[in-house]
PDB file of N, CA and C in Angstrom:
ATOM      1  N   MET A   1     -10.722  17.650  11.461  1.00  0.00           N
ATOM      2  CA  MET A   1      -8.977  18.599  11.623  1.00  0.00           C
ATOM      3  C   MET A   1      -8.740  17.984  10.209  1.00  0.00           C
ATOM      4  N   ALA A   2      -8.015  18.689   9.481  1.00  0.00           N
ATOM      5  CA  ALA A   2      -7.352  18.467   8.058  1.00  0.00           C
ATOM      6  C   ALA A   2      -6.284  17.573   8.612  1.00  0.00           C
ATOM      7  N   PHE A   3      -6.480  16.644   7.528  1.00  0.00           N
ATOM      8  CA  PHE A   3      -4.682  15.585   7.622  1.00  0.00           C
ATOM      9  C   PHE A   3      -3.835  15.994   8.045  1.00  0.00           C
ATOM     10  N   ASP A   4      -3.532  17.168   7.211  1.00  0.00           N
ATOM     11  CA  ASP A   4      -2.356  17.786   7.427  1.00  0.00           C
ATOM     12  C   ASP A   4      -1.621  18.556   8.920  1.00  0.00           C
ATOM     13  N   ASP A   5      -3.152  18.932   9.400  1.00  0.00           N
ATOM     14  CA  ASP A   5      -3.011  19.306  10.979  1.00  0.00           C
ATOM     15  C   ASP A   5      -2.436  17.810  11.776  1.00  0.00           C
ATOM     16  N   LYS A   6      -3.198  17.070  11.191  1.00  0.00           N
ATOM     17  CA  LYS A   6      -3.074  15.611  12.279  1.00  0.00           C
ATOM     18  C   LYS A   6      -1.743  14.881  12.341  1.00  0.00           C
ATOM     19  N   VAL A   7      -1.343  15.057  11.045  1.00  0.00           N
ATOM     20  CA  VAL A   7       0.320  14.586  10.626  1.00  0.00           C
ATOM     21  C   VAL A   7       1.291  15.590  11.869  1.00  0.00           C
ATOM     22  N   GLU A   8       0.841  17.114  11.401  1.00  0.00           N
ATOM     23  CA  GLU A   8       2.077  17.804  12.557  1.00  0.00           C
ATOM     24  C   GLU A   8       1.782  17.536  13.432  1.00  0.00           C
ATOM     25  N   ASN A   9       0.782  17.637  14.184  1.00  0.00           N
ATOM     26  CA  ASN A   9       0.422  17.619  15.404  1.00  0.00           C
ATOM     27  C   ASN A   9       0.887  16.185  16.186  1.00  0.00           C
ATOM     28  N   LYS A  10       1.028  15.128  15.199  1.00  0.00           N
ATOM     29  CA  LYS A  10       1.454  13.704  15.757  1.00  0.00           C
ATOM     30  C   LYS A  10       2.928  13.902  15.331  1.00  0.00           C
ATOM     31  N   SER A  11       3.396  14.573  14.409  1.00  0.00           N
ATOM     32  CA  SER A  11       4.866  14.538  14.475  1.00  0.00           C
ATOM     33  C   SER A  11       5.707  15.549  15.722  1.00  0.00           C
ATOM     34  N   GLU A  12       5.066  16.507  16.180  1.00  0.00           N
ATOM     35  CA  GLU A  12       5.210  17.529  16.616  1.00  0.00           C
ATOM     36  C   GLU A  12       5.408  16.572  18.290  1.00  0.00           C
ATOM     37  N   GLU A  13       4.205  15.599  18.675  1.00  0.00           N
ATOM     38  CA  GLU A  13       4.286  14.970  19.561  1.00  0.00           C
ATOM     39  C   GLU A  13       5.106  13.958  19.895  1.00  0.00           C
ATOM     40  N   LEU A  14       5.527  13.294  18.886  1.00  0.00           N
ATOM     41  CA  LEU A  14       6.657  12.346  18.696  1.00  0.00           C
ATOM     42  C   LEU A  14       8.380  12.865  18.638  1.00  0.00           C
ATOM     43  N   GLY A  15       8.270  14.208  18.365  1.00  0.00           N
ATOM     44  CA  GLY A  15       9.444  14.889  18.306  1.00  0.00           C
ATOM     45  C   GLY A  15       9.544  15.261  19.891  1.00  0.00           C
ATOM     46  N   GLY A  16       8.749  15.531  20.888  1.00  0.00           N
ATOM     47  CA  GLY A  16       8.489  15.244  22.115  1.00  0.00           C
ATOM     48  C   GLY A  16       9.134  14.345  22.863  1.00  0.00           C
ATOM     49  N   LYS A  17       8.476  13.449  22.460  1.00  0.00           N
ATOM     50  CA  LYS A  17       8.873  12.384  22.728  1.00  0.00           C
ATOM     51  C   LYS A  17      10.395  11.853  22.807  1.00  0.00           C
ATOM     52  N   VAL A  18      10.862  12.811  21.506  1.00  0.00           N
ATOM     53  CA  VAL A  18      11.871  11.847  21.355  1.00  0.00           C
ATOM     54  C   VAL A  18      13.225  12.804  22.438  1.00  0.00           C
ATOM     55  N   LYS A  19      12.503  14.069  22.580  1.00  0.00           N
ATOM     56  CA  LYS A  19      13.550  14.968  23.194  1.00  0.00           C
ATOM     57  C   LYS A  19      13.539  14.629  24.479  1.00  0.00           C
ATOM     58  N   GLU A  20      12.282  14.689  24.972  1.00  0.00           N
ATOM     59  CA  GLU A  20      12.089  13.890  26.523  1.00  0.00           C
ATOM     60  C   GLU A  20      12.942  12.614  26.559  1.00  0.00           C
ATOM     61  N   GLY A  21      13.290  11.681  25.988  1.00  0.00           N
ATOM     62  CA  GLY A  21      14.142  10.422  26.013  1.00  0.00           C
ATOM     63  C   GLY A  21      15.200  10.730  26.105  1.00  0.00           C
ATOM     64  N   VAL A  22      15.802  11.585  24.882  1.00  0.00           N
ATOM     65  CA  VAL A  22      17.252  12.043  24.957  1.00  0.00           C
ATOM     66  C   VAL A  22      17.674  12.939  26.272  1.00  0.00           C
ATOM     67  N   GLY A  23      16.622  13.577  26.469  1.00  0.00           N
ATOM     68  CA  GLY A  23      17.006  14.423  27.767  1.00  0.00           C
ATOM     69  C   GLY A  23      17.295  13.402  29.225  1.00  0.00           C
ATOM     70  N   LYS A  24      16.493  12.669  29.314  1.00  0.00           N
ATOM     71  CA  LYS A  24      16.475  11.487  30.599  1.00  0.00           C
ATOM     72  C   LYS A  24      17.899  10.757  29.947  1.00  0.00           C
ATOM     73  N   ALA A  25      18.178  10.421  28.825  1.00  0.00           N
ATOM     74  CA  ALA A  25      19.201   9.413  28.616  1.00  0.00           C
ATOM     75  C   ALA A  25      20.533  10.347  29.205  1.00  0.00           C
ATOM     76  N   THR A  26      20.788  11.537  28.728  1.00  0.00           N
ATOM     77  CA  THR A  26      21.759  12.704  28.964  1.00  0.00           C
ATOM     78  C   THR A  26      21.460  12.860  30.618  1.00  0.00           C
ATOM     79  N   ASP A  27      20.474  12.749  30.996  1.00  0.00           N
ATOM     80  CA  ASP A  27      20.173  13.450  32.322  1.00  0.00           C
ATOM     81  C   ASP A  27      20.561  14.921  32.101  1.00  0.00           C
ATOM     82  N   ASN A  28      19.517  15.772  30.884  1.00  0.00           N
ATOM     83  CA  ASN A  28      19.201  17.116  30.744  1.00  0.00           C
ATOM     84  C   ASN A  28      18.103  17.428  31.196  1.00  0.00           C
ATOM     85  N   GLU A  29      17.642  17.901  32.342  1.00  0.00           N
ATOM     86  CA  GLU A  29      16.494  18.598  32.722  1.00  0.00           C
ATOM     87  C   GLU A  29      15.956  19.199  31.898  1.00  0.00           C
ATOM     88  N   ARG A  30      16.702  20.157  31.311  1.00  0.00           N
ATOM     89  CA  ARG A  30      16.446  21.231  30.463  1.00  0.00           C
ATOM     90  C   ARG A  30      15.679  20.500  29.155  1.00  0.00           C
ATOM     91  N   LEU A  31      16.268  19.847  28.783  1.00  0.00           N
ATOM     92  CA  LEU A  31      15.845  18.730  27.359  1.00  0.00           C
ATOM     93  C   LEU A  31      14.558  18.029  27.593  1.00  0.00           C
ATOM     94  N   GLU A  32      14.869  17.399  28.834  1.00  0.00           N
ATOM     95  CA  GLU A  32      13.411  16.619  29.149  1.00  0.00           C
ATOM     96  C   GLU A  32      12.303  17.644  29.113  1.00  0.00           C
ATOM     97  N   ALA A  33      12.359  18.823  29.661  1.00  0.00           N
ATOM     98  CA  ALA A  33      11.332  19.737  30.306  1.00  0.00           C
ATOM     99  C   ALA A  33      10.675  20.376  28.985  1.00  0.00           C
ATOM    100  N   GLU A  34      11.541  20.585  28.003  1.00  0.00           N
ATOM    101  CA  GLU A  34      11.090  20.799  26.524  1.00  0.00           C
ATOM    102  C   GLU A  34      10.040  19.958  25.744  1.00  0.00           C
ATOM    103  N   GLY A  35      10.962  18.392  25.996  1.00  0.00           N
ATOM    104  CA  GLY A  35      10.045  17.539  25.516  1.00  0.00           C
ATOM    105  C   GLY A  35       8.636  17.544  25.767  1.00  0.00           C
ATOM    106  N   LYS A  36       8.519  17.583  26.805  1.00  0.00           N
ATOM    107  CA  LYS A  36       7.445  17.366  27.618  1.00  0.00           C
ATOM    108  C   LYS A  36       6.272  18.447  27.169  1.00  0.00           C
ATOM    109  N   ALA A  37       6.857  19.559  27.124  1.00  0.00           N
ATOM    110  CA  ALA A  37       5.861  20.593  26.717  1.00  0.00           C
ATOM    111  C   ALA A  37       5.509  20.330  25.760  1.00  0.00           C
ATOM    112  N   ASP A  38       6.547  20.077  24.313  1.00  0.00           N
ATOM    113  CA  ASP A  38       6.389  19.962  23.226  1.00  0.00           C
ATOM    114  C   ASP A  38       5.007  18.691  23.064  1.00  0.00           C
ATOM    115  N   GLN A  39       4.926  18.037  23.638  1.00  0.00           N
ATOM    116  CA  GLN A  39       3.659  16.904  23.949  1.00  0.00           C
ATOM    117  C   GLN A  39       2.639  17.632  24.214  1.00  0.00           C
ATOM    118  N   SER A  40       2.741  18.460  24.976  1.00  0.00           N
ATOM    119  CA  SER A  40       1.221  19.153  25.866  1.00  0.00           C
ATOM    120  C   SER A  40       0.607  19.797  24.979  1.00  0.00           C
ATOM    121  N   GLU A  41       1.672  20.564  24.292  1.00  0.00           N
ATOM    122  CA  GLU A  41       1.187  21.440  23.200  1.00  0.00           C
ATOM    123  C   GLU A  41       0.811  20.667  22.319  1.00  0.00           C
ATOM    124  N   SER A  42       1.227  19.820  21.697  1.00  0.00           N
ATOM    125  CA  SER A  42       0.772  19.231  20.422  1.00  0.00           C
ATOM    126  C   SER A  42      -0.805  18.292  21.218  1.00  0.00           C
ATOM    127  N   LYS A  43      -0.588  17.967  21.869  1.00  0.00           N
ATOM    128  CA  LYS A  43      -2.154  17.301  22.676  1.00  0.00           C
ATOM    129  C   LYS A  43      -3.090  18.422  22.760  1.00  0.00           C
ATOM    130  N   ILE A  44      -3.244  19.701  23.089  1.00  0.00           N
ATOM    131  CA  ILE A  44      -3.970  20.590  23.291  1.00  0.00           C
ATOM    132  C   ILE A  44      -4.345  20.951  21.832  1.00  0.00           C
ATOM    133  N   LYS A  45      -3.367  21.108  20.993  1.00  0.00           N
ATOM    134  CA  LYS A  45      -3.612  21.805  19.576  1.00  0.00           C
ATOM    135  C   LYS A  45      -4.615  20.664  18.960  1.00  0.00           C
ATOM    136  N   GLN A  46      -4.730  19.174  19.497  1.00  0.00           N
ATOM    137  CA  GLN A  46      -5.301  18.542  18.883  1.00  0.00           C
ATOM    138  C   GLN A  46      -6.789  18.286  19.440  1.00  0.00           C
ATOM    139  N   ALA A  47      -6.772  18.602  20.651  1.00  0.00           N
ATOM    140  CA  ALA A  47      -7.817  18.645  21.269  1.00  0.00           C
ATOM    141  C   ALA A  47      -8.968  19.840  20.515  1.00  0.00           C
ATOM    142  N   VAL A  48      -7.892  21.103  20.687  1.00  0.00           N
ATOM    143  CA  VAL A  48      -8.889  22.394  19.727  1.00  0.00           C
ATOM    144  C   VAL A  48      -9.235  22.334  18.504  1.00  0.00           C
ATOM    145  N   GLU A  49      -8.595  21.264  17.565  1.00  0.00           N
ATOM    146  CA  GLU A  49      -9.132  20.844  16.452  1.00  0.00           C
ATOM    147  C   GLU A  49     -10.346  19.956  16.425  1.00  0.00           C
ATOM    148  N   ASN A  50     -10.122  18.626  17.458  1.00  0.00           N
ATOM    149  CA  ASN A  50     -11.314  17.949  17.645  1.00  0.00           C
ATOM    150  C   ASN A  50     -12.697  18.663  17.667  1.00  0.00           C
ATOM    151  N   VAL A  51     -12.512  19.963  18.600  1.00  0.00           N
ATOM    152  CA  VAL A  51     -13.724  20.903  19.127  1.00  0.00           C
ATOM    153  C   VAL A  51     -14.182  21.333  17.741  1.00  0.00           C
ATOM    154  N   LYS A  52     -13.417  21.612  17.113  1.00  0.00           N
ATOM    155  CA  LYS A  52     -13.657  22.724  16.075  1.00  0.00           C
ATOM    156  C   LYS A  52     -14.436  21.457  14.954  1.00  0.00           C
ATOM    157  N   ASP A  53     -14.105  20.443  14.851  1.00  0.00           N
ATOM    158  CA  ASP A  53     -14.454  19.531  13.710  1.00  0.00           C
ATOM    159  C   ASP A  53     -16.130  19.138  14.815  1.00  0.00           C
ATOM    160  N   ALA A  54     -16.501  18.951  15.736  1.00  0.00           N
ATOM    161  CA  ALA A  54     -17.335  18.779  16.260  1.00  0.00           C
ATOM    162  C   ALA A  54     -18.564  20.044  16.147  1.00  0.00           C
ATOM    163  N   PHE A  55     -17.908  21.089  16.073  1.00  0.00           N
ATOM    164  CA  PHE A  55     -18.897  22.226  15.743  1.00  0.00           C
ATOM    165  C   PHE A  55     -18.790  22.799  14.007  1.00  0.00           C
ATOM    166  N   LYS A  56     -18.028  21.893  13.307  1.00  0.00           N
ATOM    167  CA  LYS A  56     -18.720  21.561  11.845  1.00  0.00           C
ATOM    168  C   LYS A  56     -19.750  20.552  11.535  1.00  0.00           C
ATOM    169  N   SER A  57     -20.299  19.966  12.366  1.00  0.00           N
ATOM    170  CA  SER A  57     -21.235  18.426  11.747  1.00  0.00           C
ATOM    171  C   SER A  57     -22.243  19.019  12.030  1.00  0.00           C
TER     172      SER A  57
END
């Protein structure tokens, strides 16, 4: 996985955590769910990139 992709995925994951936290703090279920979805999407992207890296070796 390229360094740029790692940074982008980690940034997306952290953004999701922030959204989730703000959603919890403000009792906004939609924002909290979006945050969790962002985190999940980021983790899936990371897993796909790791599989690609494994096949390159």
